[in-house]
Amino acid sequence: MNGELAPSQLRRLHEHYDGLRELAASCDVPAVRAAVGVAVAELRVALDGQTLDLDFYETGTADARAASAAV
C-alpha cells in the first residue's frame, strides 16, 4: 500500500462527503447536525492532499445547488 486512495475509493468518499453535507443542511436535530459537521471537517482534513475536489466552502450539495439554480 502506497498511502494513496484508489480512484474507486476517491469516488465513494466524494459521494459520502456530498451525502453528509446534504444531511447537515437538512437535519433539524442540532446534535446530529453538529456531529455531521464534525465528520465532514474530519473527512476534509483526512483527504487534504489526496487531490479530491471537495467544495468545502460552498453551501449545499451539487444537487441542491442545481435545484436552486433551476428555480
Protein backbone atom coordinates (compact mmCIF):
# COMPACT_ATOMS: atom_id res chain seq x y z
CA MET A 1 0.00 0.00 0.00
CA ASN A 2 1.47 3.32 -1.02
CA GLY A 3 -0.71 5.59 1.11
CA GLU A 4 -2.86 6.82 -1.77
CA LEU A 5 -6.52 6.13 -2.37
CA ALA A 6 -7.71 4.14 -5.35
CA PRO A 7 -9.94 6.00 -7.84
CA SER A 8 -12.95 3.97 -6.68
CA GLN A 9 -12.26 4.99 -3.07
CA LEU A 10 -11.99 8.66 -4.06
CA ARG A 11 -15.31 8.43 -5.91
CA ARG A 12 -17.03 6.78 -2.94
CA LEU A 13 -15.62 9.31 -0.49
CA HIS A 14 -16.82 12.16 -2.71
CA GLU A 15 -20.32 10.62 -2.75
CA HIS A 16 -20.33 10.20 1.03
CA TYR A 17 -18.98 13.73 1.51
CA ASP A 18 -21.88 15.11 -0.56
CA GLY A 19 -24.34 12.96 1.40
CA LEU A 20 -23.02 14.15 4.73
CA ARG A 21 -23.20 17.79 3.64
CA GLU A 22 -26.78 17.25 2.46
CA LEU A 23 -27.69 15.68 5.79
CA ALA A 24 -26.10 18.55 7.72
CA ALA A 25 -28.04 21.07 5.65
CA SER A 26 -31.39 19.34 6.05
CA CYS A 27 -31.26 17.96 9.60
CA ASP A 28 -33.30 19.75 12.27
CA VAL A 29 -31.64 17.95 15.20
CA PRO A 30 -28.83 20.19 16.48
CA ALA A 31 -26.72 17.38 17.95
CA VAL A 32 -26.88 15.36 14.73
CA ARG A 33 -26.18 18.43 12.61
CA ALA A 34 -23.13 19.23 14.78
CA ALA A 35 -21.84 15.65 14.66
CA VAL A 36 -22.23 15.51 10.89
CA GLY A 37 -20.42 18.84 10.60
CA VAL A 38 -17.52 17.42 12.59
CA ALA A 39 -17.48 14.32 10.39
CA VAL A 40 -17.35 16.48 7.25
CA ALA A 41 -14.49 18.52 8.71
CA GLU A 42 -12.57 15.39 9.72
CA LEU A 43 -13.05 13.89 6.27
CA ARG A 44 -11.84 17.10 4.69
CA VAL A 45 -8.69 17.10 6.84
CA ALA A 46 -8.02 13.43 6.12
CA LEU A 47 -8.38 13.94 2.38
CA ASP A 48 -6.27 17.09 2.21
CA GLY A 49 -3.57 16.38 -0.31
CA GLN A 50 -5.40 13.42 -1.89
CA THR A 51 -6.43 15.57 -4.89
CA LEU A 52 -10.12 15.09 -4.12
CA ASP A 53 -12.06 18.12 -5.32
CA LEU A 54 -14.37 18.97 -2.43
CA ASP A 55 -16.39 22.18 -2.38
CA PHE A 56 -15.67 22.71 1.30
CA TYR A 57 -16.58 26.39 1.44
CA GLU A 58 -19.70 26.20 -0.70
CA THR A 59 -23.08 25.58 0.91
CA GLY A 60 -25.28 22.71 -0.19
CA THR A 61 -24.56 19.75 -2.42
CA ALA A 62 -24.26 19.80 -6.19
CA ASP A 63 -27.87 18.56 -6.45
CA ALA A 64 -29.13 21.27 -4.11
CA ARG A 65 -27.20 23.95 -6.00
CA ALA A 66 -28.60 22.69 -9.33
CA ALA A 67 -32.16 22.63 -7.95
CA SER A 68 -31.90 26.16 -6.59
CA ALA A 69 -30.42 27.41 -9.88
CA ALA A 70 -33.36 25.93 -11.79
CA VAL A 71 -35.90 27.96 -9.76
